Protein backbone atom coordinates (compact mmCIF):
# COMPACT_ATOMS: atom_id res chain seq x y z
CA UNK A 1 37.53 253.81 84.01
CA UNK A 2 34.56 255.34 82.24
CA UNK A 3 34.59 259.15 81.85
CA UNK A 4 31.99 261.29 83.52
CA UNK A 5 29.99 263.62 81.26
CA UNK A 6 29.81 267.36 81.81
CA UNK A 7 28.30 270.21 79.68
CA UNK A 8 29.82 273.66 79.36
CA UNK A 9 29.24 276.86 77.37
CA UNK A 10 31.62 279.49 76.02
CA UNK A 11 32.05 282.34 78.48
CA UNK A 12 32.02 285.98 77.36
CA UNK A 13 32.46 287.77 80.66
CA UNK A 14 35.80 288.12 82.42
CA UNK A 15 37.39 289.88 85.38
CA UNK A 16 35.15 291.14 88.12
CA UNK A 17 32.00 290.51 86.03
CA UNK A 18 32.26 286.81 86.74
CA UNK A 19 30.69 287.41 90.13
CA UNK A 20 27.40 287.91 88.27
CA UNK A 21 27.90 284.45 86.78
CA UNK A 22 28.18 282.93 90.23
CA UNK A 23 25.13 284.77 91.43
CA UNK A 24 23.26 283.13 88.54
CA UNK A 25 24.40 279.69 89.50
CA UNK A 26 27.25 279.35 86.93
CA UNK A 27 30.89 278.71 87.68
CA UNK A 28 33.73 280.20 85.49
CA UNK A 29 36.18 277.71 84.07
CA UNK A 30 39.07 277.41 81.65
CA UNK A 31 39.99 274.61 79.21
CA UNK A 32 43.69 274.37 78.34
CA UNK A 33 46.09 271.77 77.00
CA UNK A 34 49.07 271.06 74.86
CA UNK A 35 48.83 272.89 71.55
CA UNK A 36 45.42 274.14 72.55
CA UNK A 37 44.41 277.79 72.88
CA UNK A 38 42.80 278.35 76.34
CA UNK A 39 38.96 278.56 76.16
CA UNK A 40 36.90 280.56 78.65
CA UNK A 41 33.94 278.50 79.85
CA UNK A 42 30.96 278.61 82.21
CA UNK A 43 29.33 275.56 83.82
CA UNK A 44 26.09 275.04 85.71
CA UNK A 45 27.12 274.83 89.39
CA UNK A 46 24.94 271.90 90.41
CA UNK A 47 26.13 269.72 87.47
CA UNK A 48 29.77 270.69 88.19
CA UNK A 49 29.43 269.89 91.87
CA UNK A 50 27.91 266.48 91.18
CA UNK A 51 30.69 265.50 88.70
CA UNK A 52 33.63 266.84 90.72
CA UNK A 53 32.35 265.09 93.86
CA UNK A 54 32.98 261.81 92.03
CA UNK A 55 35.83 262.62 89.67
CA UNK A 56 38.07 264.83 91.88
CA UNK A 57 41.32 265.46 89.89
CA UNK A 58 41.90 261.74 89.00
CA UNK A 59 38.95 260.71 86.91
CA UNK A 60 38.38 261.59 83.22
CA UNK A 61 35.66 264.11 82.47
CA UNK A 62 34.14 264.20 79.01
CA UNK A 63 33.61 267.93 78.63
CA UNK A 64 31.16 268.96 75.89
CA UNK A 65 31.30 272.64 74.98
CA UNK A 66 28.11 273.67 73.21
CA UNK A 67 27.57 271.43 70.16
CA UNK A 68 31.30 270.58 69.71
CA UNK A 69 32.75 267.10 70.03
CA UNK A 70 33.36 266.17 73.68
CA UNK A 71 36.92 266.72 74.96
CA UNK A 72 38.49 264.27 77.44
CA UNK A 73 39.76 266.32 80.37
CA UNK A 74 41.02 266.23 83.96
CA UNK A 75 40.02 268.85 86.55
CA UNK A 76 43.18 270.51 87.79
CA UNK A 77 43.13 273.78 89.62
CA UNK A 78 39.90 273.75 91.68
CA UNK A 79 39.14 276.94 93.70
CA UNK A 80 36.51 276.96 96.41
CA UNK A 81 35.16 279.52 98.85
CA UNK A 82 36.76 278.99 102.25
CA UNK A 83 33.47 279.58 104.11
CA UNK A 84 30.64 278.38 101.85
CA UNK A 85 32.92 275.83 100.13
CA UNK A 86 31.15 276.46 96.80
CA UNK A 87 33.17 276.34 93.59
CA UNK A 88 34.68 279.58 92.39
CA UNK A 89 36.74 278.47 89.43
CA UNK A 90 37.92 275.31 87.77
CA UNK A 91 40.66 274.62 85.24
CA UNK A 92 40.29 271.59 82.91
CA UNK A 93 43.23 269.99 81.33
CA UNK A 94 42.66 268.53 77.83
CA UNK A 95 44.38 265.15 77.73
CA UNK A 96 45.69 263.07 74.88
CA UNK A 97 44.66 259.48 75.26
CA UNK A 98 48.07 258.37 73.85
CA UNK A 99 50.12 260.43 76.28
CA UNK A 100 50.64 259.68 80.06
CA UNK A 101 49.32 261.96 82.74
CA UNK A 102 49.87 262.35 86.49
CA UNK A 103 47.19 262.32 89.09
CA UNK A 104 46.65 262.20 92.87
CA UNK A 105 44.69 259.03 93.59
CA UNK A 106 43.04 258.33 97.04
CA UNK A 107 43.98 255.21 99.02
CA UNK A 108 41.24 252.99 100.36
CA UNK A 109 41.91 250.68 103.38
CA UNK A 110 40.19 247.34 103.12
CA UNK A 111 40.13 244.31 105.30
CA UNK A 112 40.69 243.89 109.03
CA UNK A 113 43.92 244.07 110.92
CA UNK A 114 44.32 241.09 113.31
CA UNK A 115 46.55 243.18 115.59
CA UNK A 116 43.69 245.57 116.16
CA UNK A 117 40.91 243.06 116.51
CA UNK A 118 42.83 240.52 118.66
CA UNK A 119 45.47 242.50 120.54
CA UNK A 120 43.88 245.91 120.92
CA UNK A 121 46.43 247.63 118.65
CA UNK A 122 45.75 251.11 117.23
CA UNK A 123 45.69 251.49 113.40
CA UNK A 124 47.39 254.84 112.48
CA UNK A 125 47.17 256.34 109.03
CA UNK A 126 49.88 257.90 106.93
CA UNK A 127 49.24 259.01 103.35
CA UNK A 128 45.69 259.13 102.17
CA UNK A 129 46.60 259.54 98.52
CA UNK A 130 49.54 258.91 96.14
CA UNK A 131 50.69 260.40 92.91
CA UNK A 132 50.58 258.09 89.96
CA UNK A 133 51.48 258.18 86.24
CA UNK A 134 49.69 256.38 83.49
CA UNK A 135 47.70 256.68 80.30
CA UNK A 136 44.33 258.47 80.70
CA UNK A 137 42.43 255.24 80.01
CA UNK A 138 44.26 253.48 82.79
CA UNK A 139 43.39 255.91 85.55
CA UNK A 140 41.69 254.39 88.62
CA UNK A 141 39.20 255.82 91.08
CA UNK A 142 41.21 254.59 94.05
CA UNK A 143 43.97 252.13 95.16
CA UNK A 144 43.02 249.44 97.68
CA UNK A 145 45.33 248.85 100.67
CA UNK A 146 44.69 245.43 102.25
CA UNK A 147 45.42 245.51 106.00
CA UNK A 148 44.74 241.84 106.69
CA UNK A 149 48.51 241.29 107.05
CA UNK A 150 48.93 243.66 109.98
CA UNK A 151 49.23 240.97 112.62
CA UNK A 152 51.67 242.31 115.24
CA UNK A 153 52.41 245.63 116.85
CA UNK A 154 54.54 247.93 114.61
CA UNK A 155 53.58 246.04 111.50
CA UNK A 156 53.24 248.66 108.70
CA UNK A 157 52.51 249.21 105.06
CA UNK A 158 54.46 251.74 102.99
CA UNK A 159 54.03 252.97 99.46
CA UNK A 160 56.40 250.29 98.22
CA UNK A 161 53.96 247.60 99.34
CA UNK A 162 51.07 248.94 97.31
CA UNK A 163 49.82 246.73 94.53
CA UNK A 164 48.83 248.33 91.26
CA UNK A 165 48.43 247.23 87.71
CA UNK A 166 51.53 247.21 85.50
CA UNK A 167 50.08 250.07 83.54
CA UNK A 168 50.39 252.41 86.54
CA UNK A 169 53.60 253.87 88.00
CA UNK A 170 53.53 255.29 91.52
CA UNK A 171 55.61 258.44 91.79
CA UNK A 172 55.28 259.01 95.54
CA UNK A 173 58.17 258.16 97.83
CA UNK A 174 58.33 254.37 98.26
CA UNK A 175 59.25 254.69 101.93
CA UNK A 176 56.27 256.90 102.79
CA UNK A 177 53.98 255.37 105.46
CA UNK A 178 50.47 254.32 104.59
CA UNK A 179 49.38 252.41 107.69
CA UNK A 180 50.93 251.17 110.89
CA UNK A 181 49.82 249.30 114.06
CA UNK A 182 50.71 251.07 117.33
CA UNK A 183 50.65 249.32 120.74
CA UNK A 184 47.72 250.30 123.06
CA UNK A 185 48.35 253.20 125.30
CA UNK A 186 47.06 251.53 128.48
CA UNK A 187 50.52 251.27 130.04
CA UNK A 188 51.18 254.94 129.59
CA UNK A 189 47.86 255.81 131.21
CA UNK A 190 48.58 253.59 134.23
CA UNK A 191 51.96 255.26 134.71
CA UNK A 192 50.32 258.65 134.70
CA UNK A 193 47.80 257.54 137.32
CA UNK A 194 50.56 256.15 139.52
CA UNK A 195 52.43 259.42 139.32
CA UNK A 196 49.36 261.40 140.30
CA UNK A 197 48.76 259.03 143.29
CA UNK A 198 52.34 259.53 144.51
CA UNK A 199 52.01 263.29 144.33
CA UNK A 200 48.71 263.25 146.22
CA UNK A 201 50.10 260.96 148.96
CA UNK A 202 53.28 263.01 149.21
CA UNK A 203 51.75 266.41 149.87
CA UNK A 204 50.02 265.63 153.20
CA UNK A 205 53.34 264.44 154.61
CA UNK A 206 54.94 267.77 153.90
CA UNK A 207 52.06 269.60 155.48
CA UNK A 208 52.27 267.38 158.59
CA UNK A 209 55.99 267.98 158.99
CA UNK A 210 55.46 271.65 158.65
CA UNK A 211 52.70 271.63 161.24
CA UNK A 212 54.87 269.68 163.74
CA UNK A 213 57.71 272.11 163.24
CA UNK A 214 55.46 275.10 163.93
CA UNK A 215 54.12 273.39 167.11
CA UNK A 216 57.68 272.77 168.40
CA UNK A 217 58.66 276.41 167.80
CA UNK A 218 55.56 277.47 169.84
């Protein structure tokens, strides 16, 4: 998977002063890695937003600091404002292309489940991403999950059923659910309606008996 390119500059300000960076459209960041001294960085917010929207934490980012040689990285700790959802701080991990890394990769459902289309079943979702381990060059944007084989009610797909290249190892629990077909809920709704009808038809009888008893006492 081709790396995305992102430019950064060395950051001089720290602590509370970084708020002035954000006001100027810059996001504070840190580059760290094995046998690498942490480097304080600042990145233009619009460029960062565009790259992270596509890369997330599972796609390589070629980070160029000033005029230095680009460094292959993965975005790790991403902090965002809970209200505005803008980026507040990002950590970039400098990878070694010869050493395996771990990443959370999204799952993408593809195909059409016959049990849904032909029998009215309900497709329920489990995990939407899994943790993988591989060399940086073998990272993938997503893992496809083909649901064409979900033919009957209660048919399901677990992590163990996922198909990935031999270069990738899935670390998530093999028994974790990814997708499952549930029977339609029409029967349950009919039962609820019947119970309501019984309650409605029962109440007037009680009132009638009470009225007759009052009339007899009079």
